[in-house]
Amino acid sequence: MTAFAAELIGTMFLILLGNGVVANVVLKGTKGNNSGWIVITTGWALAVFTGVVIAGPYSGAHLNPAVTLALALAGKFSWALVGEFFLAQLLGAMLGAFLVWVLYKPHFDSTEEPLSQLAVFSTGPAIKHPVSNLGSEVLGTFVLIFVIFYFTNPEMGDEKTPIGMGSLGAIPVAFLVWGIGLSLGGTTGYAINPARDLGPRIIHTLMPIRNKCHSDWAYAWIPVAGPFVGAGVAVLLYFALGAQ
């Protein structure tokens, strides 16, 4: 499997299972309706586990443009491959979101609350405050990247080595994302991944969903910009603390 295919397929499974658990909790008439935040965060952790298992041996399982950017900034991933990985991650996220829509279509049609439908695809703030919301995404992604750096020890790699969340191991990274969701995710829904939010939001815009509202593009820059900023801060602090 090529690295491009691994990132696309791994991200597809990440979103299929991650957005899928949100659909199971928030859409009307599902077996998991109203089962709560613990179910959502656990489902997302297992979604990360699945994506990392699939993509890890072939691409390092970045599955996240913020991870790709951080490794490139650290000099451990080729800048020439950054655009390719970004594209694979975005397409994979879009495909995963599309499959969630196909699977849950009767439940989308039965759900009269359009914001619940939107929540299946994209994140949104519990309390709308752009500065605070951006800070939440920056901090959540900072924790993700900073811990990955210490677990993977990226200074031991090089541009040809598939370093990423797969180097950390599927189980530890799943627990890391689970912890971020439980502790920091209640403010914005912890996108901590630009592709995770942007790709499904595009699908929400395109799909013919009954009772559909706007896709809240005015907010969409926050779960894209925040993770990139958080990744940059993590790299700066990691090297400021003495990494070579």
C-alpha atoms as a PDB file:
ATOM      1  CA  MET A   1       0.000   0.000   0.000  1.00  0.00           C
ATOM      2  CA  THR A   2       1.323   3.463  -0.858  1.00  0.00           C
ATOM      3  CA  ALA A   3       1.579   6.145   1.792  1.00  0.00           C
ATOM      4  CA  PHE A   4      -1.108   8.177  -0.009  1.00  0.00           C
ATOM      5  CA  ALA A   5      -3.520   5.240  -0.009  1.00  0.00           C
ATOM      6  CA  ALA A   6      -2.722   4.475   3.633  1.00  0.00           C
ATOM      7  CA  GLU A   7      -3.480   8.035   4.724  1.00  0.00           C
ATOM      8  CA  LEU A   8      -6.676   8.116   2.675  1.00  0.00           C
ATOM      9  CA  ILE A   9      -7.980   4.752   3.895  1.00  0.00           C
ATOM     10  CA  GLY A  10      -6.836   5.265   7.477  1.00  0.00           C
ATOM     11  CA  THR A  11      -8.504   8.672   7.646  1.00  0.00           C
ATOM     12  CA  MET A  12     -11.635   7.248   6.039  1.00  0.00           C
ATOM     13  CA  PHE A  13     -11.932   4.657   8.812  1.00  0.00           C
ATOM     14  CA  LEU A  14     -11.163   7.304  11.420  1.00  0.00           C
ATOM     15  CA  ILE A  15     -14.090   9.437  10.253  1.00  0.00           C
ATOM     16  CA  LEU A  16     -16.420   6.535   9.500  1.00  0.00           C
ATOM     17  CA  LEU A  17     -16.156   5.290  13.081  1.00  0.00           C
ATOM     18  CA  GLY A  18     -15.666   8.687  14.741  1.00  0.00           C
ATOM     19  CA  ASN A  19     -18.467  10.563  13.037  1.00  0.00           C
ATOM     20  CA  GLY A  20     -20.428   7.327  13.112  1.00  0.00           C
ATOM     21  CA  VAL A  21     -20.489   7.252  16.896  1.00  0.00           C
ATOM     22  CA  VAL A  22     -21.709  10.863  16.924  1.00  0.00           C
ATOM     23  CA  ALA A  23     -24.513   9.887  14.545  1.00  0.00           C
ATOM     24  CA  ASN A  24     -25.418   6.964  16.793  1.00  0.00           C
ATOM     25  CA  VAL A  25     -25.694   9.272  19.805  1.00  0.00           C
ATOM     26  CA  VAL A  26     -27.392  12.376  18.384  1.00  0.00           C
ATOM     27  CA  LEU A  27     -29.675  11.199  15.568  1.00  0.00           C
ATOM     28  CA  LYS A  28     -33.275  10.234  16.231  1.00  0.00           C
ATOM     29  CA  GLY A  29     -34.222   6.569  16.531  1.00  0.00           C
ATOM     30  CA  THR A  30     -30.763   5.007  16.753  1.00  0.00           C
ATOM     31  CA  LYS A  31     -29.916   2.286  19.276  1.00  0.00           C
ATOM     32  CA  GLY A  32     -27.420   4.641  20.899  1.00  0.00           C
ATOM     33  CA  ASN A  33     -29.544   7.785  20.968  1.00  0.00           C
ATOM     34  CA  ASN A  34     -28.718  10.093  23.895  1.00  0.00           C
ATOM     35  CA  SER A  35     -26.060   7.726  25.247  1.00  0.00           C
ATOM     36  CA  GLY A  36     -23.783  10.669  25.968  1.00  0.00           C
ATOM     37  CA  TRP A  37     -20.301  12.086  25.924  1.00  0.00           C
ATOM     38  CA  ILE A  38     -18.548   8.989  27.298  1.00  0.00           C
ATOM     39  CA  VAL A  39     -19.806   6.965  24.352  1.00  0.00           C
ATOM     40  CA  ILE A  40     -18.699   9.639  21.879  1.00  0.00           C
ATOM     41  CA  THR A  41     -15.194  10.018  23.317  1.00  0.00           C
ATOM     42  CA  THR A  42     -14.749   6.252  23.584  1.00  0.00           C
ATOM     43  CA  GLY A  43     -15.919   5.768  20.018  1.00  0.00           C
ATOM     44  CA  TRP A  44     -13.489   8.402  18.783  1.00  0.00           C
ATOM     45  CA  ALA A  45     -10.620   6.766  20.683  1.00  0.00           C
ATOM     46  CA  LEU A  46     -11.410   3.427  19.054  1.00  0.00           C
ATOM     47  CA  ALA A  47     -11.720   5.153  15.678  1.00  0.00           C
ATOM     48  CA  VAL A  48      -8.192   6.518  16.107  1.00  0.00           C
ATOM     49  CA  PHE A  49      -6.983   3.043  17.112  1.00  0.00           C
ATOM     50  CA  THR A  50      -8.465   1.581  13.933  1.00  0.00           C
ATOM     51  CA  GLY A  51      -7.026   4.236  11.628  1.00  0.00           C
ATOM     52  CA  VAL A  52      -3.565   3.943  13.166  1.00  0.00           C
ATOM     53  CA  VAL A  53      -3.552   0.148  12.870  1.00  0.00           C
ATOM     54  CA  ILE A  54      -4.390   0.390   9.161  1.00  0.00           C
ATOM     55  CA  ALA A  55      -2.064   3.209   8.129  1.00  0.00           C
ATOM     56  CA  GLY A  56       0.783   2.924  10.620  1.00  0.00           C
ATOM     57  CA  PRO A  57       3.058   0.484   8.756  1.00  0.00           C
ATOM     58  CA  TYR A  58       2.793   2.381   5.469  1.00  0.00           C
ATOM     59  CA  SER A  59       2.656   6.105   6.249  1.00  0.00           C
ATOM     60  CA  GLY A  60       3.210   6.452   9.986  1.00  0.00           C
ATOM     61  CA  ALA A  61      -0.548   7.074  10.315  1.00  0.00           C
ATOM     62  CA  HIS A  62      -0.544  10.854  10.445  1.00  0.00           C
ATOM     63  CA  LEU A  63      -4.310  10.920   9.647  1.00  0.00           C
ATOM     64  CA  ASN A  64      -4.206  14.595  10.556  1.00  0.00           C
ATOM     65  CA  PRO A  65      -2.699  17.586   8.723  1.00  0.00           C
ATOM     66  CA  ALA A  66      -1.558  19.014  12.072  1.00  0.00           C
ATOM     67  CA  VAL A  67       0.565  15.913  12.695  1.00  0.00           C
ATOM     68  CA  THR A  68       2.005  16.123   9.188  1.00  0.00           C
ATOM     69  CA  LEU A  69       2.833  19.813   9.619  1.00  0.00           C
ATOM     70  CA  ALA A  70       4.436  19.257  13.021  1.00  0.00           C
ATOM     71  CA  LEU A  71       6.716  16.518  11.713  1.00  0.00           C
ATOM     72  CA  ALA A  72       7.698  18.643   8.712  1.00  0.00           C
ATOM     73  CA  LEU A  73       8.471  21.603  10.980  1.00  0.00           C
ATOM     74  CA  ALA A  74      10.588  19.294  13.127  1.00  0.00           C
ATOM     75  CA  GLY A  75      12.565  18.237  10.067  1.00  0.00           C
ATOM     76  CA  LYS A  76      11.389  14.637  10.310  1.00  0.00           C
ATOM     77  CA  PHE A  77       9.080  14.591   7.318  1.00  0.00           C
ATOM     78  CA  SER A  78       9.717  15.770   3.770  1.00  0.00           C
ATOM     79  CA  TRP A  79       8.040  19.058   2.871  1.00  0.00           C
ATOM     80  CA  ALA A  80       7.657  17.674  -0.641  1.00  0.00           C
ATOM     81  CA  LEU A  81       5.140  15.127   0.713  1.00  0.00           C
ATOM     82  CA  VAL A  82       3.116  17.496   2.877  1.00  0.00           C
ATOM     83  CA  GLY A  83       0.633  18.463   0.161  1.00  0.00           C
ATOM     84  CA  GLU A  84       0.142  14.826  -0.827  1.00  0.00           C
ATOM     85  CA  PHE A  85      -0.623  13.821   2.757  1.00  0.00           C
ATOM     86  CA  PHE A  86      -2.970  16.790   3.243  1.00  0.00           C
ATOM     87  CA  LEU A  87      -4.930  15.795   0.143  1.00  0.00           C
ATOM     88  CA  ALA A  88      -5.148  12.130   1.162  1.00  0.00           C
ATOM     89  CA  GLN A  89      -6.377  13.073   4.628  1.00  0.00           C
ATOM     90  CA  LEU A  90      -9.007  15.475   3.302  1.00  0.00           C
ATOM     91  CA  LEU A  91     -10.317  13.005   0.726  1.00  0.00           C
ATOM     92  CA  GLY A  92     -10.366  10.218   3.289  1.00  0.00           C
ATOM     93  CA  ALA A  93     -12.318  12.400   5.722  1.00  0.00           C
ATOM     94  CA  MET A  94     -14.828  13.285   3.015  1.00  0.00           C
ATOM     95  CA  LEU A  95     -15.293   9.650   2.042  1.00  0.00           C
ATOM     96  CA  GLY A  96     -15.750   8.560   5.648  1.00  0.00           C
ATOM     97  CA  ALA A  97     -18.357  11.275   6.245  1.00  0.00           C
ATOM     98  CA  PHE A  98     -20.189  10.307   3.068  1.00  0.00           C
ATOM     99  CA  LEU A  99     -20.397   6.685   4.247  1.00  0.00           C
ATOM    100  CA  VAL A 100     -21.796   7.828   7.597  1.00  0.00           C
ATOM    101  CA  TRP A 101     -24.492   9.773   5.757  1.00  0.00           C
ATOM    102  CA  VAL A 102     -25.344   6.730   3.610  1.00  0.00           C
ATOM    103  CA  LEU A 103     -25.546   4.410   6.618  1.00  0.00           C
ATOM    104  CA  TYR A 104     -27.601   6.742   8.796  1.00  0.00           C
ATOM    105  CA  LYS A 105     -29.721   8.344   6.063  1.00  0.00           C
ATOM    106  CA  PRO A 106     -33.080   7.202   7.499  1.00  0.00           C
ATOM    107  CA  HIS A 107     -32.062   8.645  10.868  1.00  0.00           C
ATOM    108  CA  PHE A 108     -30.971  11.925   9.286  1.00  0.00           C
ATOM    109  CA  ASP A 109     -34.379  12.082   7.622  1.00  0.00           C
ATOM    110  CA  SER A 110     -36.107  11.422  10.972  1.00  0.00           C
ATOM    111  CA  THR A 111     -34.085  14.020  12.882  1.00  0.00           C
ATOM    112  CA  GLU A 112     -35.865  17.364  12.828  1.00  0.00           C
ATOM    113  CA  GLU A 113     -33.134  19.343  14.597  1.00  0.00           C
ATOM    114  CA  PRO A 114     -30.730  20.562  11.890  1.00  0.00           C
ATOM    115  CA  LEU A 115     -27.936  21.378  14.332  1.00  0.00           C
ATOM    116  CA  SER A 116     -27.936  17.753  15.480  1.00  0.00           C
ATOM    117  CA  GLN A 117     -27.494  16.729  11.873  1.00  0.00           C
ATOM    118  CA  LEU A 118     -24.610  19.170  11.482  1.00  0.00           C
ATOM    119  CA  ALA A 119     -22.989  17.854  14.674  1.00  0.00           C
ATOM    120  CA  VAL A 120     -22.553  14.462  13.030  1.00  0.00           C
ATOM    121  CA  PHE A 121     -20.301  16.040  10.412  1.00  0.00           C
ATOM    122  CA  SER A 122     -18.441  18.881  12.101  1.00  0.00           C
ATOM    123  CA  THR A 123     -17.530  20.330  15.451  1.00  0.00           C
ATOM    124  CA  GLY A 124     -19.051  23.399  17.056  1.00  0.00           C
ATOM    125  CA  PRO A 125     -18.671  25.419  20.234  1.00  0.00           C
ATOM    126  CA  ALA A 126     -20.698  24.729  23.356  1.00  0.00           C
ATOM    127  CA  ILE A 127     -20.493  28.474  24.044  1.00  0.00           C
ATOM    128  CA  LYS A 128     -19.667  30.621  21.043  1.00  0.00           C
ATOM    129  CA  HIS A 129     -16.623  32.741  21.856  1.00  0.00           C
ATOM    130  CA  PRO A 130     -14.126  32.808  18.970  1.00  0.00           C
ATOM    131  CA  VAL A 131     -11.030  33.575  21.048  1.00  0.00           C
ATOM    132  CA  SER A 132     -11.832  30.911  23.630  1.00  0.00           C
ATOM    133  CA  ASN A 133     -12.899  28.428  20.970  1.00  0.00           C
ATOM    134  CA  LEU A 134      -9.668  28.951  19.043  1.00  0.00           C
ATOM    135  CA  GLY A 135      -7.692  28.571  22.259  1.00  0.00           C
ATOM    136  CA  SER A 136      -9.434  25.277  22.986  1.00  0.00           C
ATOM    137  CA  GLU A 137      -8.422  23.854  19.609  1.00  0.00           C
ATOM    138  CA  VAL A 138      -4.877  25.167  19.975  1.00  0.00           C
ATOM    139  CA  LEU A 139      -4.472  23.633  23.431  1.00  0.00           C
ATOM    140  CA  GLY A 140      -6.040  20.285  22.550  1.00  0.00           C
ATOM    141  CA  THR A 141      -3.824  19.896  19.495  1.00  0.00           C
ATOM    142  CA  PHE A 142      -0.780  21.075  21.428  1.00  0.00           C
ATOM    143  CA  VAL A 143      -1.317  18.231  23.905  1.00  0.00           C
ATOM    144  CA  LEU A 144      -1.749  15.731  21.076  1.00  0.00           C
ATOM    145  CA  ILE A 145       1.404  16.738  19.205  1.00  0.00           C
ATOM    146  CA  PHE A 146       3.592  17.340  22.249  1.00  0.00           C
ATOM    147  CA  VAL A 147       2.848  13.916  23.705  1.00  0.00           C
ATOM    148  CA  ILE A 148       3.288  12.210  20.339  1.00  0.00           C
ATOM    149  CA  PHE A 149       6.716  13.835  20.059  1.00  0.00           C
ATOM    150  CA  TYR A 150       7.802  12.465  23.410  1.00  0.00           C
ATOM    151  CA  PHE A 151       6.394   9.014  22.759  1.00  0.00           C
ATOM    152  CA  THR A 152       7.811   8.666  19.257  1.00  0.00           C
ATOM    153  CA  ASN A 153      11.114  10.485  19.900  1.00  0.00           C
ATOM    154  CA  PRO A 154      11.062  11.942  16.375  1.00  0.00           C
ATOM    155  CA  GLU A 155      14.642  13.163  16.421  1.00  0.00           C
ATOM    156  CA  MET A 156      15.677   9.534  15.876  1.00  0.00           C
ATOM    157  CA  GLY A 157      13.945   9.418  12.500  1.00  0.00           C
ATOM    158  CA  ASP A 158      14.573  10.996   9.151  1.00  0.00           C
ATOM    159  CA  GLU A 159      12.557  12.179   6.174  1.00  0.00           C
ATOM    160  CA  LYS A 160      12.273   8.639   4.767  1.00  0.00           C
ATOM    161  CA  THR A 161      11.061   7.022   7.977  1.00  0.00           C
ATOM    162  CA  PRO A 162       7.262   6.769   8.390  1.00  0.00           C
ATOM    163  CA  ILE A 163       7.006   8.632  11.680  1.00  0.00           C
ATOM    164  CA  GLY A 164       3.628   9.615  13.037  1.00  0.00           C
ATOM    165  CA  MET A 165       0.944   8.355  15.338  1.00  0.00           C
ATOM    166  CA  GLY A 166       1.707   4.845  14.088  1.00  0.00           C
ATOM    167  CA  SER A 167       5.182   5.116  15.583  1.00  0.00           C
ATOM    168  CA  LEU A 168       3.546   5.760  18.933  1.00  0.00           C
ATOM    169  CA  GLY A 169       1.445   2.600  18.711  1.00  0.00           C
ATOM    170  CA  ALA A 170      -2.286   2.294  18.224  1.00  0.00           C
ATOM    171  CA  ILE A 171      -3.242   1.696  21.856  1.00  0.00           C
ATOM    172  CA  PRO A 172      -1.287   4.595  23.443  1.00  0.00           C
ATOM    173  CA  VAL A 173      -2.470   7.101  20.838  1.00  0.00           C
ATOM    174  CA  ALA A 174      -6.066   5.938  21.281  1.00  0.00           C
ATOM    175  CA  PHE A 175      -5.794   6.553  25.029  1.00  0.00           C
ATOM    176  CA  LEU A 176      -4.201   9.940  24.362  1.00  0.00           C
ATOM    177  CA  VAL A 177      -7.090  11.058  22.139  1.00  0.00           C
ATOM    178  CA  TRP A 178      -9.592   9.601  24.610  1.00  0.00           C
ATOM    179  CA  GLY A 179      -8.017  11.637  27.406  1.00  0.00           C
ATOM    180  CA  ILE A 180      -8.065  14.822  25.343  1.00  0.00           C
ATOM    181  CA  GLY A 181     -11.730  14.290  24.555  1.00  0.00           C
ATOM    182  CA  LEU A 182     -12.713  13.603  28.150  1.00  0.00           C
ATOM    183  CA  SER A 183     -10.728  16.463  29.656  1.00  0.00           C
ATOM    184  CA  LEU A 184     -10.559  19.181  26.999  1.00  0.00           C
ATOM    185  CA  GLY A 185     -13.204  18.319  24.437  1.00  0.00           C
ATOM    186  CA  GLY A 186     -16.289  19.754  26.051  1.00  0.00           C
ATOM    187  CA  THR A 187     -15.741  23.283  24.791  1.00  0.00           C
ATOM    188  CA  THR A 188     -15.599  22.793  21.016  1.00  0.00           C
ATOM    189  CA  GLY A 189     -15.903  19.058  20.400  1.00  0.00           C
ATOM    190  CA  TYR A 190     -12.106  18.736  20.033  1.00  0.00           C
ATOM    191  CA  ALA A 191     -11.552  18.648  16.289  1.00  0.00           C
ATOM    192  CA  ILE A 192      -7.748  18.738  16.855  1.00  0.00           C
ATOM    193  CA  ASN A 193      -7.532  17.788  13.173  1.00  0.00           C
ATOM    194  CA  PRO A 194      -8.271  20.139  10.266  1.00  0.00           C
ATOM    195  CA  ALA A 195      -9.252  17.317   7.904  1.00  0.00           C
ATOM    196  CA  ARG A 196     -11.587  15.788  10.471  1.00  0.00           C
ATOM    197  CA  ASP A 197     -13.685  18.963  10.493  1.00  0.00           C
ATOM    198  CA  LEU A 198     -13.253  20.397   7.008  1.00  0.00           C
ATOM    199  CA  GLY A 199     -13.840  17.220   4.996  1.00  0.00           C
ATOM    200  CA  PRO A 200     -17.124  16.247   6.683  1.00  0.00           C
ATOM    201  CA  ARG A 201     -18.306  19.870   6.673  1.00  0.00           C
ATOM    202  CA  ILE A 202     -17.909  19.873   2.891  1.00  0.00           C
ATOM    203  CA  ILE A 203     -19.970  16.679   2.694  1.00  0.00           C
ATOM    204  CA  HIS A 204     -22.680  18.258   4.870  1.00  0.00           C
ATOM    205  CA  THR A 205     -22.810  21.149   2.433  1.00  0.00           C
ATOM    206  CA  LEU A 206     -23.122  18.855  -0.584  1.00  0.00           C
ATOM    207  CA  MET A 207     -25.522  16.163   0.608  1.00  0.00           C
ATOM    208  CA  PRO A 208     -29.325  16.471   0.200  1.00  0.00           C
ATOM    209  CA  ILE A 209     -30.257  16.174   3.888  1.00  0.00           C
ATOM    210  CA  ARG A 210     -33.856  16.778   4.914  1.00  0.00           C
ATOM    211  CA  ASN A 211     -34.247  19.779   7.255  1.00  0.00           C
ATOM    212  CA  LYS A 212     -30.583  20.671   6.687  1.00  0.00           C
ATOM    213  CA  CYS A 213     -29.346  24.020   7.984  1.00  0.00           C
ATOM    214  CA  HIS A 214     -26.283  26.008   6.967  1.00  0.00           C
ATOM    215  CA  SER A 215     -22.904  24.348   7.470  1.00  0.00           C
ATOM    216  CA  ASP A 216     -21.673  27.137   9.769  1.00  0.00           C
ATOM    217  CA  TRP A 217     -18.775  28.133   7.531  1.00  0.00           C
ATOM    218  CA  ALA A 218     -18.300  31.261   9.641  1.00  0.00           C
ATOM    219  CA  TYR A 219     -16.977  29.007  12.430  1.00  0.00           C
ATOM    220  CA  ALA A 220     -15.128  26.562  10.161  1.00  0.00           C
ATOM    221  CA  TRP A 221     -11.795  28.414  10.240  1.00  0.00           C
ATOM    222  CA  ILE A 222     -11.352  27.721  13.966  1.00  0.00           C
ATOM    223  CA  PRO A 223     -11.051  23.894  13.805  1.00  0.00           C
ATOM    224  CA  VAL A 224      -8.705  24.334  10.835  1.00  0.00           C
ATOM    225  CA  ALA A 225      -6.454  27.139  12.096  1.00  0.00           C
ATOM    226  CA  GLY A 226      -6.423  26.092  15.758  1.00  0.00           C
ATOM    227  CA  PRO A 227      -4.836  22.665  15.199  1.00  0.00           C
ATOM    228  CA  PHE A 228      -2.172  24.109  12.927  1.00  0.00           C
ATOM    229  CA  VAL A 229      -1.275  26.749  15.522  1.00  0.00           C
ATOM    230  CA  GLY A 230      -1.264  24.119  18.276  1.00  0.00           C
ATOM    231  CA  ALA A 231       1.064  21.950  16.225  1.00  0.00           C
ATOM    232  CA  GLY A 232       3.472  24.850  15.738  1.00  0.00           C
ATOM    233  CA  VAL A 233       3.488  25.678  19.440  1.00  0.00           C
ATOM    234  CA  ALA A 234       4.179  22.039  20.306  1.00  0.00           C
ATOM    235  CA  VAL A 235       7.172  21.949  17.962  1.00  0.00           C
ATOM    236  CA  LEU A 236       8.586  25.204  19.350  1.00  0.00           C
ATOM    237  CA  LEU A 237       8.276  24.066  22.964  1.00  0.00           C
ATOM    238  CA  TYR A 238       9.622  20.602  22.230  1.00  0.00           C
ATOM    239  CA  PHE A 239      12.828  22.013  20.777  1.00  0.00           C
ATOM    240  CA  ALA A 240      13.018  24.800  23.384  1.00  0.00           C
ATOM    241  CA  LEU A 241      13.146  22.074  26.031  1.00  0.00           C
ATOM    242  CA  GLY A 242      16.274  20.621  24.490  1.00  0.00           C
ATOM    243  CA  ALA A 243      15.241  18.233  21.717  1.00  0.00           C
ATOM    244  CA  GLN A 244      17.779  17.979  18.931  1.00  0.00           C
END
